[in-house]
Amino acid sequence: MIDDSSVNSIQEALNGAKNILILSPANPSLDSIAASLALYLSLKKQGKQVLAACPSPMTVAFNRLIGVNKITDKVGGRNLIISFDYLKDSIEKVSYNIENEKFNLVVEPKAGCPSLKNDKVSYSYTGSEADLVFIIGALKLEDLDKLYFNEKRVFDNSLTVNIDNRTNNTKFGKVNLVNPQSASCCEILTLLIKRLNLPIDPDTSSNLLAGIEANTSSFQASTTSAETFEAAAWCLKNGAKRKHFVSQKTMPPTTQSPFTTPQTVTPKPPQVPPITTSSPKTTQPPPDWLKPKVYKGNTLV
């Protein structure tokens, strides 16, 4: 269950949020990514400015989840970082000037040191701005790896919602939707989407059902409960596809169609064991067989 105070806090933050982050931990489970994508699609459909990120690259295990290409490994976009290889004591001075409405950063090398080559310069961004951050499937903030260590200010200044179903979750969020009785993060998120009355469509519900099926081994795990089946049923009512995340290579083989012409198989003749003959044993007569016999008896004639 999700208590009313948590729902009210999230709803209030959603109403005023200009930028929303949805974050998954390093080396995420399919359940975590499926839940993140379901929430991403739902909030996008509501017209929110939302970004989904994970510090680990997406693997082929997630390629059937809808919208997986929308997950990035960077969340910052405010601060420009200019990077290049640095040789110790090679820079004399760094300065800037503004000329013709352009900002110029000047890197002056020391005498005798080589000039900086433009092909050695790279650019990146940090400094994310978010009013609301959903963290799905992480035990602690440090599990977010660079998404946390590079953007700590975001977590201090926004409402962080921690969604997880494991008993050892550290409950690091300002709002903690942590329920070990739930079979998956997707089960918790399904209830949250219902409580917040967020948009739901076949793509969103298919991702939710994929996470539920993955975390329960297609409802065979002991963690499967009545609430799990209720969440799955709600997803199916909204157009979810069953076993959408399962690769065709892992599906069980199908039975032969009754309309397929069977191949003719020529039966092999039975194997008859060879008949072996053996000469009968000859019995040798006793040694006195050919000697004359004398009748002896006690009968008088």
C-alpha atoms as a PDB file:
ATOM      1  CA  MET A   1       0.000   0.000   0.000  1.00  0.00           C
ATOM      2  CA  ILE A   2       1.020   3.621  -0.593  1.00  0.00           C
ATOM      3  CA  ASP A   3      -0.011   6.013   2.166  1.00  0.00           C
ATOM      4  CA  ASP A   4      -1.974   9.159   1.365  1.00  0.00           C
ATOM      5  CA  SER A   5       0.731  11.549   2.606  1.00  0.00           C
ATOM      6  CA  SER A   6       3.257  10.133   0.119  1.00  0.00           C
ATOM      7  CA  VAL A   7       0.770  10.396  -2.730  1.00  0.00           C
ATOM      8  CA  ASN A   8      -0.071  13.988  -1.791  1.00  0.00           C
ATOM      9  CA  SER A   9       3.611  14.990  -1.597  1.00  0.00           C
ATOM     10  CA  ILE A  10       4.360  13.521  -5.033  1.00  0.00           C
ATOM     11  CA  GLN A  11       1.210  15.005  -6.556  1.00  0.00           C
ATOM     12  CA  GLU A  12       2.090  18.461  -5.245  1.00  0.00           C
ATOM     13  CA  ALA A  13       5.631  18.196  -6.615  1.00  0.00           C
ATOM     14  CA  LEU A  14       4.331  16.968  -9.984  1.00  0.00           C
ATOM     15  CA  ASN A  15       1.931  19.885 -10.294  1.00  0.00           C
ATOM     16  CA  GLY A  16       4.744  22.429 -10.041  1.00  0.00           C
ATOM     17  CA  ALA A  17       7.649  20.458 -11.544  1.00  0.00           C
ATOM     18  CA  LYS A  18       9.379  21.954 -14.571  1.00  0.00           C
ATOM     19  CA  ASN A  19      12.078  19.269 -14.836  1.00  0.00           C
ATOM     20  CA  ILE A  20      11.786  15.658 -13.669  1.00  0.00           C
ATOM     21  CA  LEU A  21      14.543  13.047 -13.439  1.00  0.00           C
ATOM     22  CA  ILE A  22      14.004   9.276 -13.396  1.00  0.00           C
ATOM     23  CA  LEU A  23      17.173   7.450 -12.336  1.00  0.00           C
ATOM     24  CA  SER A  24      18.173   3.784 -12.251  1.00  0.00           C
ATOM     25  CA  PRO A  25      21.242   2.376 -10.451  1.00  0.00           C
ATOM     26  CA  ALA A  26      24.392   0.980 -12.038  1.00  0.00           C
ATOM     27  CA  ASN A  27      23.943  -2.569 -13.352  1.00  0.00           C
ATOM     28  CA  PRO A  28      20.159  -2.338 -13.112  1.00  0.00           C
ATOM     29  CA  SER A  29      17.630  -5.148 -13.171  1.00  0.00           C
ATOM     30  CA  LEU A  30      15.059  -5.456 -15.927  1.00  0.00           C
ATOM     31  CA  ASP A  31      12.437  -4.583 -13.317  1.00  0.00           C
ATOM     32  CA  SER A  32      14.166  -1.272 -12.543  1.00  0.00           C
ATOM     33  CA  ILE A  33      14.531  -0.255 -16.201  1.00  0.00           C
ATOM     34  CA  ALA A  34      10.989  -1.354 -17.063  1.00  0.00           C
ATOM     35  CA  ALA A  35       9.583   0.728 -14.201  1.00  0.00           C
ATOM     36  CA  SER A  36      11.698   3.750 -15.170  1.00  0.00           C
ATOM     37  CA  LEU A  37      10.540   3.584 -18.786  1.00  0.00           C
ATOM     38  CA  ALA A  38       6.904   3.131 -17.797  1.00  0.00           C
ATOM     39  CA  LEU A  39       7.040   6.252 -15.625  1.00  0.00           C
ATOM     40  CA  TYR A  40       8.946   8.141 -18.348  1.00  0.00           C
ATOM     41  CA  LEU A  41       6.307   7.338 -20.984  1.00  0.00           C
ATOM     42  CA  SER A  42       3.435   8.212 -18.652  1.00  0.00           C
ATOM     43  CA  LEU A  43       4.896  11.583 -17.611  1.00  0.00           C
ATOM     44  CA  LYS A  44       5.783  12.419 -21.221  1.00  0.00           C
ATOM     45  CA  LYS A  45       2.192  11.711 -22.188  1.00  0.00           C
ATOM     46  CA  GLN A  46       1.137  14.159 -19.489  1.00  0.00           C
ATOM     47  CA  GLY A  47       3.323  16.812 -21.130  1.00  0.00           C
ATOM     48  CA  LYS A  48       6.092  16.923 -18.512  1.00  0.00           C
ATOM     49  CA  GLN A  49       9.748  17.740 -19.182  1.00  0.00           C
ATOM     50  CA  VAL A  50      11.350  14.473 -18.097  1.00  0.00           C
ATOM     51  CA  LEU A  51      14.677  12.703 -18.519  1.00  0.00           C
ATOM     52  CA  ALA A  52      15.512   9.050 -17.739  1.00  0.00           C
ATOM     53  CA  ALA A  53      19.107   8.086 -16.995  1.00  0.00           C
ATOM     54  CA  CYS A  54      21.264   5.175 -15.859  1.00  0.00           C
ATOM     55  CA  PRO A  55      25.052   5.151 -15.326  1.00  0.00           C
ATOM     56  CA  SER A  56      25.364   1.747 -17.045  1.00  0.00           C
ATOM     57  CA  PRO A  57      24.812   1.223 -20.792  1.00  0.00           C
ATOM     58  CA  MET A  58      21.660  -0.565 -21.862  1.00  0.00           C
ATOM     59  CA  THR A  59      22.235  -4.201 -22.809  1.00  0.00           C
ATOM     60  CA  VAL A  60      20.399  -6.504 -25.199  1.00  0.00           C
ATOM     61  CA  ALA A  61      18.444  -7.846 -22.217  1.00  0.00           C
ATOM     62  CA  PHE A  62      16.441  -4.596 -22.268  1.00  0.00           C
ATOM     63  CA  ASN A  63      16.002  -4.174 -26.022  1.00  0.00           C
ATOM     64  CA  ARG A  64      12.356  -5.273 -26.030  1.00  0.00           C
ATOM     65  CA  LEU A  65      11.330  -2.654 -23.491  1.00  0.00           C
ATOM     66  CA  ILE A  66       9.511   0.219 -25.149  1.00  0.00           C
ATOM     67  CA  GLY A  67      11.473   3.482 -25.179  1.00  0.00           C
ATOM     68  CA  VAL A  68      14.776   1.985 -24.013  1.00  0.00           C
ATOM     69  CA  ASN A  69      16.636   4.231 -26.474  1.00  0.00           C
ATOM     70  CA  LYS A  70      15.478   7.244 -24.424  1.00  0.00           C
ATOM     71  CA  ILE A  71      17.675   6.316 -21.449  1.00  0.00           C
ATOM     72  CA  THR A  72      20.903   8.319 -21.272  1.00  0.00           C
ATOM     73  CA  ASP A  73      23.955   8.125 -19.032  1.00  0.00           C
ATOM     74  CA  LYS A  74      24.157  11.901 -18.482  1.00  0.00           C
ATOM     75  CA  VAL A  75      21.783  14.227 -16.648  1.00  0.00           C
ATOM     76  CA  GLY A  76      23.685  17.522 -16.543  1.00  0.00           C
ATOM     77  CA  GLY A  77      23.058  20.231 -19.091  1.00  0.00           C
ATOM     78  CA  ARG A  78      23.653  23.511 -17.318  1.00  0.00           C
ATOM     79  CA  ASN A  79      27.443  23.830 -16.973  1.00  0.00           C
ATOM     80  CA  LEU A  80      29.780  23.516 -19.962  1.00  0.00           C
ATOM     81  CA  ILE A  81      33.029  21.645 -19.297  1.00  0.00           C
ATOM     82  CA  ILE A  82      35.994  22.055 -21.650  1.00  0.00           C
ATOM     83  CA  SER A  83      38.549  19.264 -21.271  1.00  0.00           C
ATOM     84  CA  PHE A  84      41.991  18.564 -22.680  1.00  0.00           C
ATOM     85  CA  ASP A  85      45.133  16.639 -21.726  1.00  0.00           C
ATOM     86  CA  TYR A  86      47.234  18.565 -19.242  1.00  0.00           C
ATOM     87  CA  LEU A  87      51.007  18.476 -18.887  1.00  0.00           C
ATOM     88  CA  LYS A  88      52.255  19.515 -15.475  1.00  0.00           C
ATOM     89  CA  ASP A  89      53.391  23.189 -15.304  1.00  0.00           C
ATOM     90  CA  SER A  90      52.642  23.669 -19.003  1.00  0.00           C
ATOM     91  CA  ILE A  91      50.040  26.438 -18.636  1.00  0.00           C
ATOM     92  CA  GLU A  92      51.078  30.015 -17.921  1.00  0.00           C
ATOM     93  CA  LYS A  93      47.639  31.586 -17.608  1.00  0.00           C
ATOM     94  CA  VAL A  94      43.920  31.036 -18.225  1.00  0.00           C
ATOM     95  CA  SER A  95      41.779  34.088 -18.923  1.00  0.00           C
ATOM     96  CA  TYR A  96      38.715  35.157 -20.858  1.00  0.00           C
ATOM     97  CA  ASN A  97      37.427  38.087 -22.825  1.00  0.00           C
ATOM     98  CA  ILE A  98      34.226  39.058 -24.607  1.00  0.00           C
ATOM     99  CA  GLU A  99      34.581  40.265 -28.163  1.00  0.00           C
ATOM    100  CA  ASN A 100      31.828  40.831 -30.728  1.00  0.00           C
ATOM    101  CA  GLU A 101      29.302  39.305 -28.333  1.00  0.00           C
ATOM    102  CA  LYS A 102      31.354  36.125 -28.080  1.00  0.00           C
ATOM    103  CA  PHE A 103      32.953  34.667 -24.987  1.00  0.00           C
ATOM    104  CA  ASN A 104      36.575  33.656 -25.536  1.00  0.00           C
ATOM    105  CA  LEU A 105      38.445  31.426 -23.126  1.00  0.00           C
ATOM    106  CA  VAL A 106      42.201  31.941 -23.491  1.00  0.00           C
ATOM    107  CA  VAL A 107      44.632  29.203 -22.441  1.00  0.00           C
ATOM    108  CA  GLU A 108      48.209  30.519 -22.614  1.00  0.00           C
ATOM    109  CA  PRO A 109      51.000  27.897 -22.493  1.00  0.00           C
ATOM    110  CA  LYS A 110      54.345  28.528 -20.817  1.00  0.00           C
ATOM    111  CA  ALA A 111      57.346  29.367 -22.932  1.00  0.00           C
ATOM    112  CA  GLY A 112      58.774  26.236 -24.537  1.00  0.00           C
ATOM    113  CA  CYS A 113      55.582  24.220 -24.073  1.00  0.00           C
ATOM    114  CA  PRO A 114      53.468  23.137 -27.062  1.00  0.00           C
ATOM    115  CA  SER A 115      50.256  24.959 -27.932  1.00  0.00           C
ATOM    116  CA  LEU A 116      46.920  23.274 -27.290  1.00  0.00           C
ATOM    117  CA  LYS A 117      45.563  21.526 -30.405  1.00  0.00           C
ATOM    118  CA  ASN A 118      41.863  21.874 -31.131  1.00  0.00           C
ATOM    119  CA  ASP A 119      41.483  18.160 -31.896  1.00  0.00           C
ATOM    120  CA  LYS A 120      42.531  17.425 -28.306  1.00  0.00           C
ATOM    121  CA  VAL A 121      39.672  19.458 -26.809  1.00  0.00           C
ATOM    122  CA  SER A 122      36.394  17.807 -25.735  1.00  0.00           C
ATOM    123  CA  TYR A 123      33.163  19.241 -24.340  1.00  0.00           C
ATOM    124  CA  SER A 124      30.634  17.927 -21.827  1.00  0.00           C
ATOM    125  CA  TYR A 125      27.980  19.199 -19.440  1.00  0.00           C
ATOM    126  CA  THR A 126      27.126  18.960 -15.761  1.00  0.00           C
ATOM    127  CA  GLY A 127      24.736  20.809 -13.507  1.00  0.00           C
ATOM    128  CA  SER A 128      21.298  19.295 -13.812  1.00  0.00           C
ATOM    129  CA  GLU A 129      18.183  21.140 -12.728  1.00  0.00           C
ATOM    130  CA  ALA A 130      15.247  19.129 -11.448  1.00  0.00           C
ATOM    131  CA  ASP A 131      12.297  19.773  -9.173  1.00  0.00           C
ATOM    132  CA  LEU A 132      11.437  16.101  -8.736  1.00  0.00           C
ATOM    133  CA  VAL A 133      13.673  12.999  -8.843  1.00  0.00           C
ATOM    134  CA  PHE A 134      12.423   9.409  -8.957  1.00  0.00           C
ATOM    135  CA  ILE A 135      15.042   6.780  -8.059  1.00  0.00           C
ATOM    136  CA  ILE A 136      13.924   3.262  -8.922  1.00  0.00           C
ATOM    137  CA  GLY A 137      15.603   0.047  -7.792  1.00  0.00           C
ATOM    138  CA  ALA A 138      18.558   1.515  -5.836  1.00  0.00           C
ATOM    139  CA  LEU A 139      19.454   0.489  -2.286  1.00  0.00           C
ATOM    140  CA  LYS A 140      21.293   3.761  -1.621  1.00  0.00           C
ATOM    141  CA  LEU A 141      22.148   6.982  -3.447  1.00  0.00           C
ATOM    142  CA  GLU A 142      25.705   5.803  -4.077  1.00  0.00           C
ATOM    143  CA  ASP A 143      24.290   3.039  -6.321  1.00  0.00           C
ATOM    144  CA  LEU A 144      23.593   5.783  -8.865  1.00  0.00           C
ATOM    145  CA  ASP A 145      27.365   6.141  -9.344  1.00  0.00           C
ATOM    146  CA  LYS A 146      28.290   9.255 -11.378  1.00  0.00           C
ATOM    147  CA  LEU A 147      24.674  10.390 -11.615  1.00  0.00           C
ATOM    148  CA  TYR A 148      24.833  11.034  -7.892  1.00  0.00           C
ATOM    149  CA  PHE A 149      28.468  12.016  -7.346  1.00  0.00           C
ATOM    150  CA  ASN A 150      28.411  14.593 -10.185  1.00  0.00           C
ATOM    151  CA  GLU A 151      25.016  16.040  -9.294  1.00  0.00           C
ATOM    152  CA  LYS A 152      24.728  16.005  -5.488  1.00  0.00           C
ATOM    153  CA  ARG A 153      23.200  19.485  -5.465  1.00  0.00           C
ATOM    154  CA  VAL A 154      20.146  18.179  -7.333  1.00  0.00           C
ATOM    155  CA  PHE A 155      19.345  15.670  -4.598  1.00  0.00           C
ATOM    156  CA  ASP A 156      19.556  18.357  -1.946  1.00  0.00           C
ATOM    157  CA  ASN A 157      17.269  20.809  -3.730  1.00  0.00           C
ATOM    158  CA  SER A 158      14.528  18.521  -5.098  1.00  0.00           C
ATOM    159  CA  LEU A 159      11.949  16.064  -3.832  1.00  0.00           C
ATOM    160  CA  THR A 160      13.535  12.598  -4.113  1.00  0.00           C
ATOM    161  CA  VAL A 161      11.175   9.613  -4.367  1.00  0.00           C
ATOM    162  CA  ASN A 162      12.751   6.257  -3.561  1.00  0.00           C
ATOM    163  CA  ILE A 163      10.944   3.259  -5.118  1.00  0.00           C
ATOM    164  CA  ASP A 164      12.136  -0.248  -4.209  1.00  0.00           C
ATOM    165  CA  ASN A 165      10.907  -3.613  -2.911  1.00  0.00           C
ATOM    166  CA  ARG A 166      13.940  -4.915  -0.968  1.00  0.00           C
ATOM    167  CA  THR A 167      14.232  -5.192   2.780  1.00  0.00           C
ATOM    168  CA  ASN A 168      17.788  -3.769   2.909  1.00  0.00           C
ATOM    169  CA  ASN A 169      16.861  -0.506   1.181  1.00  0.00           C
ATOM    170  CA  THR A 170      18.363   2.398   3.181  1.00  0.00           C
ATOM    171  CA  LYS A 171      15.262   4.611   2.679  1.00  0.00           C
ATOM    172  CA  PHE A 172      17.355   7.532   1.496  1.00  0.00           C
ATOM    173  CA  GLY A 173      14.522   9.421  -0.177  1.00  0.00           C
ATOM    174  CA  LYS A 174      12.488  12.307   1.100  1.00  0.00           C
ATOM    175  CA  VAL A 175       9.547  10.096   0.107  1.00  0.00           C
ATOM    176  CA  ASN A 176      10.140   6.351   0.411  1.00  0.00           C
ATOM    177  CA  LEU A 177       7.862   3.956  -1.455  1.00  0.00           C
ATOM    178  CA  VAL A 178       9.676   0.861  -0.203  1.00  0.00           C
ATOM    179  CA  ASN A 179       7.545  -2.241   0.203  1.00  0.00           C
ATOM    180  CA  PRO A 180       9.263  -5.645   0.611  1.00  0.00           C
ATOM    181  CA  GLN A 181       5.837  -7.287   0.326  1.00  0.00           C
ATOM    182  CA  SER A 182       5.676  -6.221  -3.319  1.00  0.00           C
ATOM    183  CA  ALA A 183       7.118  -8.621  -5.873  1.00  0.00           C
ATOM    184  CA  SER A 184       8.718  -5.883  -7.983  1.00  0.00           C
ATOM    185  CA  CYS A 185       9.290  -2.166  -8.438  1.00  0.00           C
ATOM    186  CA  CYS A 186       6.855  -2.317 -11.349  1.00  0.00           C
ATOM    187  CA  GLU A 187       4.146  -3.578  -9.010  1.00  0.00           C
ATOM    188  CA  ILE A 188       4.689  -0.555  -6.729  1.00  0.00           C
ATOM    189  CA  LEU A 189       4.791   1.820  -9.689  1.00  0.00           C
ATOM    190  CA  THR A 190       1.587   0.377 -11.126  1.00  0.00           C
ATOM    191  CA  LEU A 191      -0.203   1.284  -7.901  1.00  0.00           C
ATOM    192  CA  LEU A 192       1.403   4.749  -7.871  1.00  0.00           C
ATOM    193  CA  ILE A 193       0.303   5.487 -11.446  1.00  0.00           C
ATOM    194  CA  LYS A 194      -3.229   4.461 -10.508  1.00  0.00           C
ATOM    195  CA  ARG A 195      -3.219   6.589  -7.345  1.00  0.00           C
ATOM    196  CA  LEU A 196      -1.873   9.653  -9.196  1.00  0.00           C
ATOM    197  CA  ASN A 197      -4.242   9.068 -12.121  1.00  0.00           C
ATOM    198  CA  LEU A 198      -1.339   9.372 -14.571  1.00  0.00           C
ATOM    199  CA  PRO A 199      -1.833   8.560 -18.284  1.00  0.00           C
ATOM    200  CA  ILE A 200      -1.669   4.856 -19.153  1.00  0.00           C
ATOM    201  CA  ASP A 201      -1.487   3.238 -22.598  1.00  0.00           C
ATOM    202  CA  PRO A 202      -0.432  -0.136 -24.084  1.00  0.00           C
ATOM    203  CA  ASP A 203       3.271   0.839 -24.217  1.00  0.00           C
ATOM    204  CA  THR A 204       3.390   1.972 -20.592  1.00  0.00           C
ATOM    205  CA  SER A 205       1.418  -1.025 -19.342  1.00  0.00           C
ATOM    206  CA  SER A 206       3.530  -3.460 -21.403  1.00  0.00           C
ATOM    207  CA  ASN A 207       6.684  -2.198 -19.699  1.00  0.00           C
ATOM    208  CA  LEU A 208       5.052  -2.535 -16.277  1.00  0.00           C
ATOM    209  CA  LEU A 209       3.918  -6.076 -16.994  1.00  0.00           C
ATOM    210  CA  ALA A 210       7.374  -6.983 -18.334  1.00  0.00           C
ATOM    211  CA  GLY A 211       8.964  -5.964 -15.040  1.00  0.00           C
ATOM    212  CA  ILE A 212       6.381  -7.878 -13.014  1.00  0.00           C
ATOM    213  CA  GLU A 213       6.845 -11.017 -15.104  1.00  0.00           C
ATOM    214  CA  ALA A 214      10.637 -10.774 -14.975  1.00  0.00           C
ATOM    215  CA  ASN A 215      10.804 -10.367 -11.197  1.00  0.00           C
ATOM    216  CA  THR A 216       8.352 -13.192 -10.514  1.00  0.00           C
ATOM    217  CA  SER A 217       9.611 -15.674 -13.135  1.00  0.00           C
ATOM    218  CA  SER A 218       6.253 -15.334 -14.886  1.00  0.00           C
ATOM    219  CA  PHE A 219       4.314 -15.502 -11.587  1.00  0.00           C
ATOM    220  CA  GLN A 220       6.095 -18.658 -10.383  1.00  0.00           C
ATOM    221  CA  ALA A 221       8.155 -17.001  -7.603  1.00  0.00           C
ATOM    222  CA  SER A 222       7.076 -17.277  -3.979  1.00  0.00           C
ATOM    223  CA  THR A 223       6.890 -13.460  -3.774  1.00  0.00           C
ATOM    224  CA  THR A 224       3.886 -13.459  -6.124  1.00  0.00           C
ATOM    225  CA  SER A 225       0.802 -12.295  -4.228  1.00  0.00           C
ATOM    226  CA  ALA A 226      -2.788 -11.345  -4.875  1.00  0.00           C
ATOM    227  CA  GLU A 227      -1.636  -7.725  -5.310  1.00  0.00           C
ATOM    228  CA  THR A 228       0.803  -8.901  -7.991  1.00  0.00           C
ATOM    229  CA  PHE A 229      -2.000 -10.497  -9.984  1.00  0.00           C
ATOM    230  CA  GLU A 230      -4.171  -7.405  -9.509  1.00  0.00           C
ATOM    231  CA  ALA A 231      -1.402  -5.173 -10.880  1.00  0.00           C
ATOM    232  CA  ALA A 232      -0.871  -7.527 -13.829  1.00  0.00           C
ATOM    233  CA  ALA A 233      -4.606  -7.656 -14.547  1.00  0.00           C
ATOM    234  CA  TRP A 234      -4.804  -3.847 -14.562  1.00  0.00           C
ATOM    235  CA  CYS A 235      -1.907  -3.709 -17.032  1.00  0.00           C
ATOM    236  CA  LEU A 236      -3.611  -6.256 -19.297  1.00  0.00           C
ATOM    237  CA  LYS A 237      -6.842  -4.259 -19.185  1.00  0.00           C
ATOM    238  CA  ASN A 238      -4.871  -1.287 -20.479  1.00  0.00           C
ATOM    239  CA  GLY A 239      -3.429  -3.163 -23.451  1.00  0.00           C
ATOM    240  CA  ALA A 240      -0.248  -4.744 -22.070  1.00  0.00           C
ATOM    241  CA  LYS A 241       1.348  -7.534 -24.088  1.00  0.00           C
ATOM    242  CA  ARG A 242       2.340 -10.661 -22.177  1.00  0.00           C
ATOM    243  CA  LYS A 243       5.963 -11.849 -22.264  1.00  0.00           C
ATOM    244  CA  HIS A 244       6.878  -8.885 -24.430  1.00  0.00           C
ATOM    245  CA  PHE A 245      10.387  -8.847 -22.938  1.00  0.00           C
ATOM    246  CA  VAL A 246      11.161 -12.514 -23.724  1.00  0.00           C
ATOM    247  CA  SER A 247      13.483 -13.066 -26.656  1.00  0.00           C
ATOM    248  CA  GLN A 248      12.225 -15.435 -29.335  1.00  0.00           C
ATOM    249  CA  LYS A 249      15.353 -17.546 -28.844  1.00  0.00           C
ATOM    250  CA  THR A 250      14.281 -18.349 -25.298  1.00  0.00           C
ATOM    251  CA  MET A 251      10.679 -19.218 -26.101  1.00  0.00           C
ATOM    252  CA  PRO A 252       9.750 -22.914 -25.864  1.00  0.00           C
ATOM    253  CA  PRO A 253       9.447 -24.768 -29.197  1.00  0.00           C
ATOM    254  CA  THR A 254       5.978 -24.845 -30.697  1.00  0.00           C
ATOM    255  CA  THR A 255       4.165 -28.059 -31.566  1.00  0.00           C
ATOM    256  CA  GLN A 256       3.893 -29.098 -35.198  1.00  0.00           C
ATOM    257  CA  SER A 257       0.950 -27.641 -37.062  1.00  0.00           C
ATOM    258  CA  PRO A 258      -1.758 -30.187 -37.895  1.00  0.00           C
ATOM    259  CA  PHE A 259      -1.792 -28.779 -41.431  1.00  0.00           C
ATOM    260  CA  THR A 260       1.862 -29.562 -42.064  1.00  0.00           C
ATOM    261  CA  THR A 261       2.407 -32.561 -44.339  1.00  0.00           C
ATOM    262  CA  PRO A 262       4.394 -35.095 -42.332  1.00  0.00           C
ATOM    263  CA  GLN A 263       7.544 -36.497 -43.861  1.00  0.00           C
ATOM    264  CA  THR A 264       7.447 -40.154 -44.894  1.00  0.00           C
ATOM    265  CA  VAL A 265       9.745 -42.272 -42.807  1.00  0.00           C
ATOM    266  CA  THR A 266      10.758 -45.681 -44.147  1.00  0.00           C
ATOM    267  CA  PRO A 267      10.701 -48.185 -41.281  1.00  0.00           C
ATOM    268  CA  LYS A 268      13.835 -50.170 -40.719  1.00  0.00           C
ATOM    269  CA  PRO A 269      13.526 -53.982 -40.770  1.00  0.00           C
ATOM    270  CA  PRO A 270      13.664 -55.573 -37.354  1.00  0.00           C
ATOM    271  CA  GLN A 271      17.018 -56.794 -36.259  1.00  0.00           C
ATOM    272  CA  VAL A 272      16.974 -60.620 -35.985  1.00  0.00           C
ATOM    273  CA  PRO A 273      19.753 -62.099 -33.902  1.00  0.00           C
ATOM    274  CA  PRO A 274      21.832 -64.679 -35.826  1.00  0.00           C
ATOM    275  CA  ILE A 275      21.038 -68.357 -35.254  1.00  0.00           C
ATOM    276  CA  THR A 276      23.978 -70.287 -33.986  1.00  0.00           C
ATOM    277  CA  THR A 277      24.193 -74.087 -34.150  1.00  0.00           C
ATOM    278  CA  SER A 278      26.131 -76.281 -31.829  1.00  0.00           C
ATOM    279  CA  SER A 279      26.945 -79.986 -32.257  1.00  0.00           C
ATOM    280  CA  PRO A 280      25.325 -82.227 -29.678  1.00  0.00           C
ATOM    281  CA  LYS A 281      27.545 -83.529 -26.973  1.00  0.00           C
ATOM    282  CA  THR A 282      28.562 -87.216 -27.386  1.00  0.00           C
ATOM    283  CA  THR A 283      28.286 -89.405 -24.352  1.00  0.00           C
ATOM    284  CA  GLN A 284      31.149 -91.899 -23.891  1.00  0.00           C
ATOM    285  CA  PRO A 285      30.062 -95.466 -22.815  1.00  0.00           C
ATOM    286  CA  PRO A 286      31.470 -96.893 -19.571  1.00  0.00           C
ATOM    287  CA  PRO A 287      34.749 -98.838 -19.913  1.00  0.00           C
ATOM    288  CA  ASP A 288      33.139-102.334 -19.352  1.00  0.00           C
ATOM    289  CA  TRP A 289      30.374-101.846 -21.935  1.00  0.00           C
ATOM    290  CA  LEU A 290      31.893-104.237 -24.524  1.00  0.00           C
ATOM    291  CA  LYS A 291      32.957-106.979 -22.081  1.00  0.00           C
ATOM    292  CA  PRO A 292      30.802-110.158 -21.793  1.00  0.00           C
ATOM    293  CA  LYS A 293      28.212-110.086 -19.095  1.00  0.00           C
ATOM    294  CA  VAL A 294      27.619-113.033 -16.645  1.00  0.00           C
ATOM    295  CA  TYR A 295      24.280-113.239 -15.040  1.00  0.00           C
ATOM    296  CA  LYS A 296      24.395-113.901 -11.305  1.00  0.00           C
ATOM    297  CA  GLY A 297      21.332-114.474  -9.320  1.00  0.00           C
ATOM    298  CA  ASN A 298      19.821-116.538  -6.495  1.00  0.00           C
ATOM    299  CA  THR A 299      16.958-118.142  -8.437  1.00  0.00           C
ATOM    300  CA  LEU A 300      17.106-121.982  -8.623  1.00  0.00           C
ATOM    301  CA  VAL A 301      15.993-123.719 -11.823  1.00  0.00           C
END
